[in-house]
Protein backbone atom coordinates (compact mmCIF):
# COMPACT_ATOMS: atom_id res chain seq x y z
CA UNK A 1 121.66 50.72 -81.17
CA UNK A 2 120.58 50.82 -84.82
CA UNK A 3 119.45 54.30 -85.88
CA UNK A 4 117.76 55.22 -89.15
CA UNK A 5 115.48 58.19 -89.71
CA UNK A 6 115.88 59.13 -86.03
CA UNK A 7 114.37 55.80 -84.95
CA UNK A 8 116.07 53.27 -82.67
CA UNK A 9 114.95 50.15 -84.54
CA UNK A 10 116.33 47.80 -81.88
CA UNK A 11 113.53 48.80 -79.49
CA UNK A 12 110.89 47.71 -82.01
CA UNK A 13 112.88 44.60 -82.97
CA UNK A 14 113.01 43.62 -79.29
CA UNK A 15 109.23 44.10 -78.96
CA UNK A 16 108.61 41.99 -82.07
CA UNK A 17 110.82 39.20 -80.73
CA UNK A 18 109.19 39.37 -77.28
CA UNK A 19 105.65 39.24 -78.68
CA UNK A 20 106.55 36.28 -80.90
CA UNK A 21 107.43 34.36 -77.74
CA UNK A 22 104.72 35.90 -75.52
CA UNK A 23 101.77 36.89 -77.76
CA UNK A 24 99.53 37.30 -74.70
CA UNK A 25 101.60 40.37 -73.72
CA UNK A 26 100.92 42.16 -77.01
CA UNK A 27 97.52 43.64 -76.12
CA UNK A 28 97.83 47.25 -75.00
CA UNK A 29 95.32 49.67 -73.51
CA UNK A 30 95.16 53.39 -74.28
CA UNK A 31 93.05 56.14 -72.77
CA UNK A 32 92.48 59.85 -72.48
CA UNK A 33 90.53 62.08 -70.13
CA UNK A 34 88.57 65.04 -71.46
CA UNK A 35 87.52 67.86 -69.12
CA UNK A 36 85.06 70.54 -70.23
CA UNK A 37 86.23 74.12 -69.61
CA UNK A 38 83.62 76.50 -71.07
CA UNK A 39 81.58 76.80 -74.24
CA UNK A 40 83.00 74.22 -76.64
CA UNK A 41 86.47 74.34 -75.06
CA UNK A 42 87.70 71.09 -73.52
CA UNK A 43 91.14 69.94 -72.31
CA UNK A 44 92.37 66.49 -73.29
CA UNK A 45 94.77 64.71 -70.96
CA UNK A 46 96.86 61.85 -72.31
CA UNK A 47 99.46 59.97 -70.23
CA UNK A 48 101.86 62.46 -68.59
CA UNK A 49 101.80 65.01 -71.42
CA UNK A 50 100.57 68.57 -71.25
CA UNK A 51 96.86 68.82 -71.94
CA UNK A 52 95.63 69.55 -75.44
CA UNK A 53 93.09 72.35 -75.87
CA UNK A 54 90.23 71.39 -78.17
CA UNK A 55 87.60 73.86 -79.35
CA UNK A 56 85.49 74.80 -82.32
CA UNK A 57 86.39 77.68 -84.66
CA UNK A 58 84.74 81.06 -84.16
CA UNK A 59 82.37 80.56 -87.11
CA UNK A 60 81.04 77.40 -85.35
CA UNK A 61 80.38 79.22 -82.02
CA UNK A 62 83.70 78.21 -80.45
CA UNK A 63 86.50 80.39 -79.10
CA UNK A 64 89.09 78.86 -81.47
CA UNK A 65 91.37 77.98 -78.55
CA UNK A 66 92.54 74.81 -80.28
CA UNK A 67 91.80 72.41 -83.12
CA UNK A 68 88.36 70.85 -83.20
CA UNK A 69 87.71 67.12 -82.73
CA UNK A 70 87.47 66.27 -86.44
CA UNK A 71 90.73 68.12 -87.11
CA UNK A 72 92.34 66.06 -84.34
CA UNK A 73 90.93 62.90 -85.92
CA UNK A 74 92.55 63.85 -89.23
CA UNK A 75 95.74 64.72 -87.37
CA UNK A 76 95.66 61.38 -85.53
CA UNK A 77 95.29 59.53 -88.81
CA UNK A 78 98.11 61.50 -90.45
CA UNK A 79 100.33 61.07 -87.40
CA UNK A 80 99.71 57.34 -87.22
CA UNK A 81 100.38 56.86 -90.92
CA UNK A 82 103.51 59.06 -90.77
CA UNK A 83 104.87 57.08 -87.83
CA UNK A 84 104.07 53.86 -89.67
CA UNK A 85 105.79 55.18 -92.79
CA UNK A 86 108.99 55.98 -90.88
CA UNK A 87 108.91 52.65 -89.03
CA UNK A 88 108.40 50.66 -92.23
CA UNK A 89 111.00 52.64 -94.17
CA UNK A 90 113.52 52.23 -91.36
CA UNK A 91 113.04 48.45 -91.19
CA UNK A 92 113.42 48.28 -94.97
CA UNK A 93 116.66 50.28 -94.68
CA UNK A 94 115.17 53.25 -96.57
CA UNK A 95 116.44 56.71 -95.67
CA UNK A 96 113.78 59.43 -95.52
CA UNK A 97 114.95 63.05 -95.75
CA UNK A 98 111.48 64.52 -95.22
CA UNK A 99 107.88 63.39 -94.94
CA UNK A 100 104.73 65.46 -94.89
CA UNK A 101 101.34 63.78 -94.71
CA UNK A 102 98.30 65.82 -95.78
CA UNK A 103 94.95 64.49 -94.55
CA UNK A 104 91.61 66.05 -95.50
CA UNK A 105 87.91 65.34 -95.66
CA UNK A 106 84.51 67.02 -95.89
CA UNK A 107 81.63 66.98 -93.41
CA UNK A 108 78.06 67.97 -94.23
CA UNK A 109 77.20 70.47 -91.48
CA UNK A 110 73.49 70.26 -92.32
CA UNK A 111 73.56 66.68 -91.02
CA UNK A 112 75.70 67.68 -88.01
CA UNK A 113 73.21 70.42 -87.13
CA UNK A 114 70.22 68.07 -87.49
CA UNK A 115 68.81 69.83 -90.56
CA UNK A 116 68.77 66.65 -92.64
CA UNK A 117 69.37 62.91 -92.28
CA UNK A 118 72.68 61.32 -93.20
CA UNK A 119 76.20 60.73 -91.95
CA UNK A 120 77.39 63.50 -89.63
CA UNK A 121 80.99 62.35 -90.08
CA UNK A 122 83.38 61.98 -92.98
CA UNK A 123 82.24 59.91 -95.97
CA UNK A 124 85.74 60.03 -97.47
CA UNK A 125 89.17 60.96 -96.18
CA UNK A 126 92.16 61.63 -98.45
CA UNK A 127 95.75 60.98 -97.37
CA UNK A 128 98.67 62.22 -99.46
CA UNK A 129 102.31 61.52 -98.63
CA UNK A 130 104.92 64.05 -99.74
CA UNK A 131 108.24 62.19 -99.48
CA UNK A 132 111.86 63.12 -100.06
CA UNK A 133 113.85 59.89 -100.17
CA UNK A 134 116.47 58.24 -102.37
CA UNK A 135 114.20 55.16 -102.53
CA UNK A 136 112.64 54.30 -105.87
CA UNK A 137 108.89 54.52 -106.57
CA UNK A 138 108.37 50.79 -106.02
CA UNK A 139 109.93 50.94 -102.53
CA UNK A 140 107.86 54.00 -101.58
CA UNK A 141 104.65 52.35 -102.79
CA UNK A 142 105.57 49.20 -100.82
CA UNK A 143 106.01 51.31 -97.68
CA UNK A 144 102.67 53.03 -98.23
CA UNK A 145 100.91 49.68 -98.80
CA UNK A 146 102.26 48.39 -95.49
CA UNK A 147 101.24 51.60 -93.71
CA UNK A 148 97.70 51.39 -95.10
CA UNK A 149 97.48 47.74 -94.05
CA UNK A 150 98.78 48.18 -90.48
CA UNK A 151 97.76 51.68 -89.31
CA UNK A 152 95.71 51.25 -86.10
CA UNK A 153 94.00 54.63 -86.54
CA UNK A 154 93.11 53.97 -90.20
CA UNK A 155 91.81 50.53 -89.34
CA UNK A 156 89.75 51.92 -86.45
CA UNK A 157 88.20 54.56 -88.74
CA UNK A 158 87.42 52.08 -91.51
CA UNK A 159 85.87 49.36 -89.37
CA UNK A 160 82.71 49.32 -87.37
CA UNK A 161 83.95 49.86 -83.82
CA UNK A 162 81.56 49.62 -80.90
CA UNK A 163 81.56 52.62 -78.59
CA UNK A 164 80.31 51.92 -75.10
CA UNK A 165 79.12 54.86 -73.02
CA UNK A 166 78.62 55.11 -69.27
CA UNK A 167 77.61 57.73 -66.73
CA UNK A 168 78.99 58.75 -63.35
CA UNK A 169 76.99 61.40 -61.47
CA UNK A 170 78.82 63.82 -59.18
């Protein structure tokens, strides 16, 4: 078992080798189930993990029982890019002592509330990596470039993705 930055790189190496031989096995499906509780409070179920409470802050008529959806989106992006950073650094043999990824963006609530036309989501998201590593600047920038290129969450946000809706009556 090869360990660097707390990551067992042999697991990923084995997946890479397997998918080179069997590319048809590389497609994966992911899902979550969201159950409304009360007000703006919902519970998100993912795999066999404890549910995640999602809610709006008090100033937006929520009960503040958890982060709101756009905060989770930013958190998902930061998490994905952090995981990608550690994976890339580990495969490059780069030790990382600490990594903090700050993700932020602004939303025009007038659009969200239907008071004017426009984009009700983020127009721009900023990601900043705070890294403690013995690697030089060129290595760190190379890692970040790879992360930006391969992050599934970043690529989903940046590209036009179709969202299909359905309805089941109970």
